[in-house]
């Protein structure tokens, strides 16, 4: 979905109107400062996810995690 671009001064005068548009349509509004994007106003999304689901598929190699590591470690004393 494409976002709408408005200047800071226009956003300032019509902020509530833009908030209602974002809520109703889901289309984000990009606020520009001197023609350059400065911030984006978009609908809130609750992203509560199970941490294990986030990590699923991230393990590249799983050989034997209980095997001792054959690297000599130095301890800080």
Protein backbone atom coordinates (compact mmCIF):
# COMPACT_ATOMS: atom_id res chain seq x y z
CA UNK A 1 0.00 0.00 0.00
CA UNK A 2 1.34 3.39 -0.99
CA UNK A 3 1.75 6.09 1.66
CA UNK A 4 0.62 9.68 1.46
CA UNK A 5 3.23 12.45 1.84
CA UNK A 6 2.52 15.75 3.59
CA UNK A 7 4.73 18.60 4.81
CA UNK A 8 5.28 19.24 8.52
CA UNK A 9 3.30 22.47 8.40
CA UNK A 10 0.33 20.80 6.68
CA UNK A 11 0.47 17.86 9.11
CA UNK A 12 0.57 20.24 12.08
CA UNK A 13 -2.63 21.99 11.02
CA UNK A 14 -4.51 18.79 10.11
CA UNK A 15 -3.02 16.14 12.42
CA UNK A 16 -6.34 14.82 13.76
CA UNK A 17 -7.70 14.48 10.24
CA UNK A 18 -4.63 12.47 9.18
CA UNK A 19 -4.86 10.27 12.29
CA UNK A 20 -8.47 9.43 11.41
CA UNK A 21 -7.51 8.66 7.80
CA UNK A 22 -4.74 6.32 8.93
CA UNK A 23 -7.10 4.54 11.33
CA UNK A 24 -9.84 4.17 8.71
CA UNK A 25 -7.82 3.23 5.64
CA UNK A 26 -4.63 1.75 7.08
CA UNK A 27 -2.65 3.91 4.64
CA UNK A 28 0.39 5.47 6.29
CA UNK A 29 1.27 9.17 6.16
CA UNK A 30 4.88 10.24 5.61
CA UNK A 31 5.65 13.67 7.06
CA UNK A 32 8.32 15.55 5.14
CA UNK A 33 10.73 18.26 6.21
CA UNK A 34 11.90 20.41 3.27
CA UNK A 35 10.80 17.66 0.88
CA UNK A 36 12.66 14.85 2.66
CA UNK A 37 10.83 12.14 4.65
CA UNK A 38 11.16 12.82 8.39
CA UNK A 39 8.69 10.43 10.02
CA UNK A 40 5.89 8.02 9.26
CA UNK A 41 2.49 7.77 10.93
CA UNK A 42 0.90 4.34 10.57
CA UNK A 43 -1.64 2.10 12.24
CA UNK A 44 -0.44 0.37 15.39
CA UNK A 45 0.17 -3.36 15.13
CA UNK A 46 0.50 -5.54 18.20
CA UNK A 47 3.51 -7.74 17.52
CA UNK A 48 3.44 -10.03 20.53
CA UNK A 49 5.00 -13.22 19.25
CA UNK A 50 6.32 -16.36 20.85
CA UNK A 51 10.13 -15.95 21.14
CA UNK A 52 10.65 -19.52 19.92
CA UNK A 53 8.64 -18.77 16.78
CA UNK A 54 10.88 -15.76 16.11
CA UNK A 55 13.97 -17.99 16.32
CA UNK A 56 12.49 -20.90 14.34
CA UNK A 57 14.73 -21.74 11.39
CA UNK A 58 17.65 -19.66 12.65
CA UNK A 59 19.81 -22.61 13.77
CA UNK A 60 22.18 -23.33 10.92
CA UNK A 61 23.88 -26.42 12.28
CA UNK A 62 22.95 -28.70 15.18
CA UNK A 63 25.36 -31.61 15.48
CA UNK A 64 25.67 -32.61 19.14
CA UNK A 65 25.25 -29.82 21.69
CA UNK A 66 26.30 -32.05 24.62
CA UNK A 67 29.76 -32.79 23.19
CA UNK A 68 32.62 -31.03 24.97
CA UNK A 69 34.17 -28.09 23.17
CA UNK A 70 37.70 -28.93 22.03
CA UNK A 71 38.96 -25.40 22.62
CA UNK A 72 41.25 -24.50 25.49
CA UNK A 73 39.76 -21.73 27.62
CA UNK A 74 41.63 -19.28 29.80
CA UNK A 75 39.99 -18.09 32.97
CA UNK A 76 40.25 -14.56 34.33
CA UNK A 77 41.61 -14.67 37.89
